[in-house]
Amino acid sequence: MLTMEDIIREGHATLRQVAEPTDIPPNEEDKKTLQSMMDFLLHSQDPEIAEEYNLRPGVGIAAPQINIPKRMIAVRTTNHKDELEEYGLFNPKIISHSAETTFLESGEGCLSVDREITGTVPRYSRIKVEGYDLNGEKVVKRFRGFLAIVFQHEIDHLNGIMFYDRIDEDDPYKETLPPKEVINRTEHEEPLS
C-alpha cells in the first residue's frame, strides 16, 4: 500500500524529468504500480483509512510523484454532475483543448508540495485526453471543469512541470485569457496530486 512516505517532495530531481512512455500493452509491473496509485487515491479519500495511515487526501497522482519516471496517472474525483469518476491511464496526452481557460478559485495544491502556494493557475476549460487503461485498451475522453484541471495538473507532472510554474511571478493572480468560468471547489480541499 502506498503511503505519504512513498511520495517524493518538491526539490527531488524526478519531479523535473520528462517521464518515459510505458509499453503498450502494459507489463505486469506497470499495471501493479498504476493499480497501487488508484488504491492510494481511494484510501486517501476514506477518512478512517486516511487517519490511520496519515494520508493526505488527493484526487490525482502521477507516477513521477512516487519516484517512477513513467507516464502513468490516476484520477479519482467527481465530475460537473457530482458523479464519481475514476481513471488509471498509461501514456495520457491532451489531444485537443478549448480556447477558454479556467482556474480554481482556491488555488491548486499538490501531494508533493508541503507548503501553501497562492496564485492563479490557468488551465483549459475543456480538454480531450487519450491514453490506455489497465488492460491496455485505448481510452479517449472529454473533460471539463474540475476534472479537466485535475488531468492537466497530472499530465504536467509527466512533463516535469509543477503547478506553480504556471503562476505568473510578476502578477500571481493574473488571468492569461478571459476565463470562461472560475471553479470554486470548497468541498474539495484535497491537493490535486
C-alpha atoms as a PDB file:
ATOM      1  CA  MET A   1       0.000   0.000   0.000  1.00  0.00           C
ATOM      2  CA  LEU A   2       1.323   3.429  -0.952  1.00  0.00           C
ATOM      3  CA  THR A   3       1.628   5.973   1.859  1.00  0.00           C
ATOM      4  CA  MET A   4       2.872   9.552   2.127  1.00  0.00           C
ATOM      5  CA  GLU A   5       6.349   8.083   2.727  1.00  0.00           C
ATOM      6  CA  ASP A   6       6.337   6.886  -0.901  1.00  0.00           C
ATOM      7  CA  ILE A   7       5.601  10.351  -2.290  1.00  0.00           C
ATOM      8  CA  ILE A   8       8.642  12.436  -3.150  1.00  0.00           C
ATOM      9  CA  ARG A   9       8.588  16.174  -2.447  1.00  0.00           C
ATOM     10  CA  GLU A  10       9.481  19.251  -4.459  1.00  0.00           C
ATOM     11  CA  GLY A  11      13.201  19.583  -4.988  1.00  0.00           C
ATOM     12  CA  HIS A  12      13.550  15.887  -5.920  1.00  0.00           C
ATOM     13  CA  ALA A  13      15.074  15.535  -9.409  1.00  0.00           C
ATOM     14  CA  THR A  14      12.457  13.019 -10.647  1.00  0.00           C
ATOM     15  CA  LEU A  15       9.719  15.673 -10.405  1.00  0.00           C
ATOM     16  CA  ARG A  16      11.554  17.738 -13.040  1.00  0.00           C
ATOM     17  CA  GLN A  17      12.185  14.908 -15.502  1.00  0.00           C
ATOM     18  CA  VAL A  18      10.111  14.214 -18.585  1.00  0.00           C
ATOM     19  CA  ALA A  19       8.673  10.765 -17.859  1.00  0.00           C
ATOM     20  CA  GLU A  20       9.248   7.850 -20.243  1.00  0.00           C
ATOM     21  CA  PRO A  21       6.314   6.242 -22.101  1.00  0.00           C
ATOM     22  CA  THR A  22       5.120   2.889 -20.820  1.00  0.00           C
ATOM     23  CA  ASP A  23       4.913  -0.139 -23.095  1.00  0.00           C
ATOM     24  CA  ILE A  24       1.502  -0.937 -24.528  1.00  0.00           C
ATOM     25  CA  PRO A  25       0.258  -3.479 -23.725  1.00  0.00           C
ATOM     26  CA  PRO A  26       1.485  -2.641 -20.209  1.00  0.00           C
ATOM     27  CA  ASN A  27       3.648  -5.153 -18.372  1.00  0.00           C
ATOM     28  CA  GLU A  28       2.565  -6.617 -15.040  1.00  0.00           C
ATOM     29  CA  GLU A  29       4.872  -4.367 -13.009  1.00  0.00           C
ATOM     30  CA  ASP A  30       3.421  -1.203 -14.567  1.00  0.00           C
ATOM     31  CA  LYS A  31      -0.134  -2.500 -14.080  1.00  0.00           C
ATOM     32  CA  LYS A  32       0.615  -3.182 -10.407  1.00  0.00           C
ATOM     33  CA  THR A  33       2.093   0.324  -9.987  1.00  0.00           C
ATOM     34  CA  LEU A  34      -0.900   2.008 -11.614  1.00  0.00           C
ATOM     35  CA  GLN A  35      -3.335  -0.026  -9.518  1.00  0.00           C
ATOM     36  CA  SER A  36      -1.460   0.957  -6.343  1.00  0.00           C
ATOM     37  CA  MET A  37      -1.749   4.626  -7.382  1.00  0.00           C
ATOM     38  CA  MET A  38      -5.507   4.211  -7.865  1.00  0.00           C
ATOM     39  CA  ASP A  39      -5.743   2.460  -4.484  1.00  0.00           C
ATOM     40  CA  PHE A  40      -3.827   5.336  -2.846  1.00  0.00           C
ATOM     41  CA  LEU A  41      -6.471   7.819  -4.020  1.00  0.00           C
ATOM     42  CA  LEU A  42      -9.272   5.568  -2.776  1.00  0.00           C
ATOM     43  CA  HIS A  43      -7.584   5.150   0.627  1.00  0.00           C
ATOM     44  CA  SER A  44      -6.692   8.839   0.907  1.00  0.00           C
ATOM     45  CA  GLN A  45     -10.346   9.795   0.396  1.00  0.00           C
ATOM     46  CA  ASP A  46     -11.586   7.388   3.086  1.00  0.00           C
ATOM     47  CA  PRO A  47     -11.456   9.387   6.359  1.00  0.00           C
ATOM     48  CA  GLU A  48     -10.795   6.337   8.562  1.00  0.00           C
ATOM     49  CA  ILE A  49      -8.029   4.845   6.396  1.00  0.00           C
ATOM     50  CA  ALA A  50      -6.510   8.284   5.765  1.00  0.00           C
ATOM     51  CA  GLU A  51      -6.324   8.964   9.504  1.00  0.00           C
ATOM     52  CA  GLU A  52      -4.957   5.515  10.342  1.00  0.00           C
ATOM     53  CA  TYR A  53      -2.137   5.784   7.781  1.00  0.00           C
ATOM     54  CA  ASN A  54      -1.681   9.577   7.942  1.00  0.00           C
ATOM     55  CA  LEU A  55      -2.608  10.067   4.277  1.00  0.00           C
ATOM     56  CA  ARG A  56      -3.259  13.489   2.779  1.00  0.00           C
ATOM     57  CA  PRO A  57      -6.411  13.265   0.676  1.00  0.00           C
ATOM     58  CA  GLY A  58      -5.799  13.612  -3.042  1.00  0.00           C
ATOM     59  CA  VAL A  59      -7.798  13.497  -6.261  1.00  0.00           C
ATOM     60  CA  GLY A  60      -4.894  12.651  -8.563  1.00  0.00           C
ATOM     61  CA  ILE A  61      -1.384  11.247  -8.563  1.00  0.00           C
ATOM     62  CA  ALA A  62       1.293  10.761 -11.218  1.00  0.00           C
ATOM     63  CA  ALA A  63       3.974   8.045 -11.237  1.00  0.00           C
ATOM     64  CA  PRO A  64       6.866  10.552 -11.009  1.00  0.00           C
ATOM     65  CA  GLN A  65       5.490  11.528  -7.595  1.00  0.00           C
ATOM     66  CA  ILE A  66       6.332   8.045  -6.328  1.00  0.00           C
ATOM     67  CA  ASN A  67       9.782   8.301  -7.967  1.00  0.00           C
ATOM     68  CA  ILE A  68       8.825   6.260 -11.027  1.00  0.00           C
ATOM     69  CA  PRO A  69       9.562   8.395 -14.116  1.00  0.00           C
ATOM     70  CA  LYS A  70       6.947   6.708 -16.322  1.00  0.00           C
ATOM     71  CA  ARG A  71       3.859   8.152 -17.999  1.00  0.00           C
ATOM     72  CA  MET A  72       1.132   6.895 -15.649  1.00  0.00           C
ATOM     73  CA  ILE A  73      -1.560   8.842 -13.806  1.00  0.00           C
ATOM     74  CA  ALA A  74      -4.522   8.059 -11.577  1.00  0.00           C
ATOM     75  CA  VAL A  75      -7.509  10.369 -11.033  1.00  0.00           C
ATOM     76  CA  ARG A  76     -10.478   9.890  -8.691  1.00  0.00           C
ATOM     77  CA  THR A  77     -12.984  12.704  -8.149  1.00  0.00           C
ATOM     78  CA  THR A  78     -16.461  13.894  -9.093  1.00  0.00           C
ATOM     79  CA  ASN A  79     -17.431  15.459 -12.397  1.00  0.00           C
ATOM     80  CA  HIS A  80     -19.570  18.542 -13.092  1.00  0.00           C
ATOM     81  CA  LYS A  81     -22.682  16.413 -12.369  1.00  0.00           C
ATOM     82  CA  ASP A  82     -21.246  15.349  -8.986  1.00  0.00           C
ATOM     83  CA  GLU A  83     -20.780  11.770 -10.236  1.00  0.00           C
ATOM     84  CA  LEU A  84     -17.661   9.844  -9.196  1.00  0.00           C
ATOM     85  CA  GLU A  85     -15.166   9.253 -11.990  1.00  0.00           C
ATOM     86  CA  GLU A  86     -12.027   7.155 -11.615  1.00  0.00           C
ATOM     87  CA  TYR A  87      -9.238   6.673 -14.144  1.00  0.00           C
ATOM     88  CA  GLY A  88      -5.887   4.955 -14.280  1.00  0.00           C
ATOM     89  CA  LEU A  89      -4.119   5.753 -17.544  1.00  0.00           C
ATOM     90  CA  PHE A  90      -0.868   4.870 -19.237  1.00  0.00           C
ATOM     91  CA  ASN A  91       0.642   7.430 -21.641  1.00  0.00           C
ATOM     92  CA  PRO A  92      -2.143  10.013 -21.264  1.00  0.00           C
ATOM     93  CA  LYS A  93      -1.957  13.067 -23.509  1.00  0.00           C
ATOM     94  CA  ILE A  94      -4.158  16.024 -24.287  1.00  0.00           C
ATOM     95  CA  ILE A  95      -5.153  15.788 -27.943  1.00  0.00           C
ATOM     96  CA  SER A  96      -7.355  18.892 -28.061  1.00  0.00           C
ATOM     97  CA  HIS A  97      -8.476  21.706 -25.782  1.00  0.00           C
ATOM     98  CA  SER A  98     -10.741  24.733 -25.600  1.00  0.00           C
ATOM     99  CA  ALA A  99      -9.596  28.288 -26.173  1.00  0.00           C
ATOM    100  CA  GLU A 100     -11.358  29.277 -22.929  1.00  0.00           C
ATOM    101  CA  THR A 101      -9.494  28.970 -19.675  1.00  0.00           C
ATOM    102  CA  THR A 102     -10.491  28.329 -16.110  1.00  0.00           C
ATOM    103  CA  PHE A 103      -8.837  28.149 -12.710  1.00  0.00           C
ATOM    104  CA  LEU A 104      -9.531  27.017  -9.176  1.00  0.00           C
ATOM    105  CA  GLU A 105     -10.514  29.984  -7.069  1.00  0.00           C
ATOM    106  CA  SER A 106      -8.904  28.389  -4.005  1.00  0.00           C
ATOM    107  CA  GLY A 107      -5.702  27.660  -5.936  1.00  0.00           C
ATOM    108  CA  GLU A 108      -4.082  24.300  -6.583  1.00  0.00           C
ATOM    109  CA  GLY A 109      -2.258  22.044  -4.176  1.00  0.00           C
ATOM    110  CA  CYS A 110      -0.058  19.008  -4.625  1.00  0.00           C
ATOM    111  CA  LEU A 111       0.854  15.929  -2.593  1.00  0.00           C
ATOM    112  CA  SER A 112       4.499  16.653  -3.458  1.00  0.00           C
ATOM    113  CA  VAL A 113       4.310  20.211  -2.117  1.00  0.00           C
ATOM    114  CA  ASP A 114       4.098  20.660   1.650  1.00  0.00           C
ATOM    115  CA  ARG A 115       3.658  24.432   1.594  1.00  0.00           C
ATOM    116  CA  GLU A 116       0.778  26.655   0.580  1.00  0.00           C
ATOM    117  CA  ILE A 117       1.325  28.451  -2.720  1.00  0.00           C
ATOM    118  CA  THR A 118      -1.171  31.081  -3.776  1.00  0.00           C
ATOM    119  CA  GLY A 119      -1.889  32.400  -7.233  1.00  0.00           C
ATOM    120  CA  THR A 120      -3.922  31.741 -10.343  1.00  0.00           C
ATOM    121  CA  VAL A 121      -3.006  28.564 -12.235  1.00  0.00           C
ATOM    122  CA  PRO A 122      -4.569  28.999 -15.690  1.00  0.00           C
ATOM    123  CA  ARG A 123      -5.957  25.818 -17.242  1.00  0.00           C
ATOM    124  CA  TYR A 124      -8.032  24.963 -20.297  1.00  0.00           C
ATOM    125  CA  SER A 125     -11.765  24.766 -19.551  1.00  0.00           C
ATOM    126  CA  ARG A 126     -12.269  21.652 -21.669  1.00  0.00           C
ATOM    127  CA  ILE A 127      -9.824  19.013 -22.838  1.00  0.00           C
ATOM    128  CA  LYS A 128      -9.849  15.751 -24.770  1.00  0.00           C
ATOM    129  CA  VAL A 129      -7.476  13.114 -23.380  1.00  0.00           C
ATOM    130  CA  GLU A 130      -6.168   9.947 -24.988  1.00  0.00           C
ATOM    131  CA  GLY A 131      -4.475   7.163 -23.050  1.00  0.00           C
ATOM    132  CA  TYR A 132      -4.572   3.453 -22.253  1.00  0.00           C
ATOM    133  CA  ASP A 133      -6.333   1.768 -19.338  1.00  0.00           C
ATOM    134  CA  LEU A 134      -5.073  -1.038 -17.077  1.00  0.00           C
ATOM    135  CA  ASN A 135      -5.914  -3.592 -19.770  1.00  0.00           C
ATOM    136  CA  GLY A 136      -4.026  -1.682 -22.453  1.00  0.00           C
ATOM    137  CA  GLU A 137      -7.255  -0.600 -24.152  1.00  0.00           C
ATOM    138  CA  LYS A 138      -7.240   2.823 -25.798  1.00  0.00           C
ATOM    139  CA  VAL A 139      -9.378   5.417 -23.990  1.00  0.00           C
ATOM    140  CA  VAL A 140     -10.435   8.794 -25.401  1.00  0.00           C
ATOM    141  CA  LYS A 141     -12.398  11.040 -23.024  1.00  0.00           C
ATOM    142  CA  ARG A 142     -13.547  14.644 -22.842  1.00  0.00           C
ATOM    143  CA  PHE A 143     -13.337  16.501 -19.542  1.00  0.00           C
ATOM    144  CA  ARG A 144     -14.466  19.910 -18.369  1.00  0.00           C
ATOM    145  CA  GLY A 145     -14.261  21.992 -15.233  1.00  0.00           C
ATOM    146  CA  PHE A 146     -12.594  20.461 -12.195  1.00  0.00           C
ATOM    147  CA  LEU A 147     -11.836  17.111 -13.873  1.00  0.00           C
ATOM    148  CA  ALA A 148     -10.116  18.934 -16.752  1.00  0.00           C
ATOM    149  CA  ILE A 149      -7.980  20.835 -14.227  1.00  0.00           C
ATOM    150  CA  VAL A 150      -7.005  17.630 -12.405  1.00  0.00           C
ATOM    151  CA  PHE A 151      -5.977  15.912 -15.641  1.00  0.00           C
ATOM    152  CA  GLN A 152      -3.895  18.901 -16.737  1.00  0.00           C
ATOM    153  CA  HIS A 153      -2.181  19.006 -13.324  1.00  0.00           C
ATOM    154  CA  GLU A 154      -1.306  15.280 -13.503  1.00  0.00           C
ATOM    155  CA  ILE A 155      -0.164  15.354 -17.138  1.00  0.00           C
ATOM    156  CA  ASP A 156       2.054  18.327 -16.230  1.00  0.00           C
ATOM    157  CA  HIS A 157       3.811  16.039 -13.712  1.00  0.00           C
ATOM    158  CA  LEU A 158       4.684  13.699 -16.590  1.00  0.00           C
ATOM    159  CA  ASN A 159       6.444  16.608 -18.285  1.00  0.00           C
ATOM    160  CA  GLY A 160       8.394  17.805 -15.244  1.00  0.00           C
ATOM    161  CA  ILE A 161       6.066  20.769 -14.670  1.00  0.00           C
ATOM    162  CA  MET A 162       4.858  21.774 -11.205  1.00  0.00           C
ATOM    163  CA  PHE A 163       1.576  23.688 -10.858  1.00  0.00           C
ATOM    164  CA  TYR A 164       3.316  26.786  -9.517  1.00  0.00           C
ATOM    165  CA  ASP A 165       5.396  27.024 -12.706  1.00  0.00           C
ATOM    166  CA  ARG A 166       2.191  28.274 -14.331  1.00  0.00           C
ATOM    167  CA  ILE A 167       1.664  31.122 -11.846  1.00  0.00           C
ATOM    168  CA  ASP A 168       2.818  34.500 -13.196  1.00  0.00           C
ATOM    169  CA  GLU A 169       5.667  35.626 -10.909  1.00  0.00           C
ATOM    170  CA  ASP A 170       5.047  39.336 -11.515  1.00  0.00           C
ATOM    171  CA  ASP A 171       1.263  39.106 -11.154  1.00  0.00           C
ATOM    172  CA  PRO A 172       0.315  35.904  -9.267  1.00  0.00           C
ATOM    173  CA  TYR A 173      -3.418  36.469  -9.720  1.00  0.00           C
ATOM    174  CA  LYS A 174      -3.208  37.309 -13.418  1.00  0.00           C
ATOM    175  CA  GLU A 175      -5.601  35.544 -15.743  1.00  0.00           C
ATOM    176  CA  THR A 176      -3.897  34.826 -19.063  1.00  0.00           C
ATOM    177  CA  LEU A 177      -7.097  34.614 -21.098  1.00  0.00           C
ATOM    178  CA  PRO A 178     -10.588  35.701 -20.088  1.00  0.00           C
ATOM    179  CA  PRO A 179     -11.755  32.680 -18.117  1.00  0.00           C
ATOM    180  CA  LYS A 180     -14.977  31.004 -19.107  1.00  0.00           C
ATOM    181  CA  GLU A 181     -15.546  30.041 -15.515  1.00  0.00           C
ATOM    182  CA  VAL A 182     -13.960  30.186 -12.112  1.00  0.00           C
ATOM    183  CA  ILE A 183     -14.284  26.916 -10.261  1.00  0.00           C
ATOM    184  CA  ASN A 184     -14.963  27.060  -6.565  1.00  0.00           C
ATOM    185  CA  ARG A 185     -14.438  23.638  -5.019  1.00  0.00           C
ATOM    186  CA  THR A 186     -14.544  24.447  -1.324  1.00  0.00           C
ATOM    187  CA  GLU A 187     -15.910  20.967  -0.669  1.00  0.00           C
ATOM    188  CA  HIS A 188     -12.729  19.594  -2.284  1.00  0.00           C
ATOM    189  CA  GLU A 189      -9.823  20.910  -0.301  1.00  0.00           C
ATOM    190  CA  GLU A 190      -7.681  17.926  -1.306  1.00  0.00           C
ATOM    191  CA  PRO A 191      -4.461  18.560  -3.171  1.00  0.00           C
ATOM    192  CA  LEU A 192      -4.843  17.772  -6.856  1.00  0.00           C
ATOM    193  CA  SER A 193      -1.958  15.350  -6.757  1.00  0.00           C
END
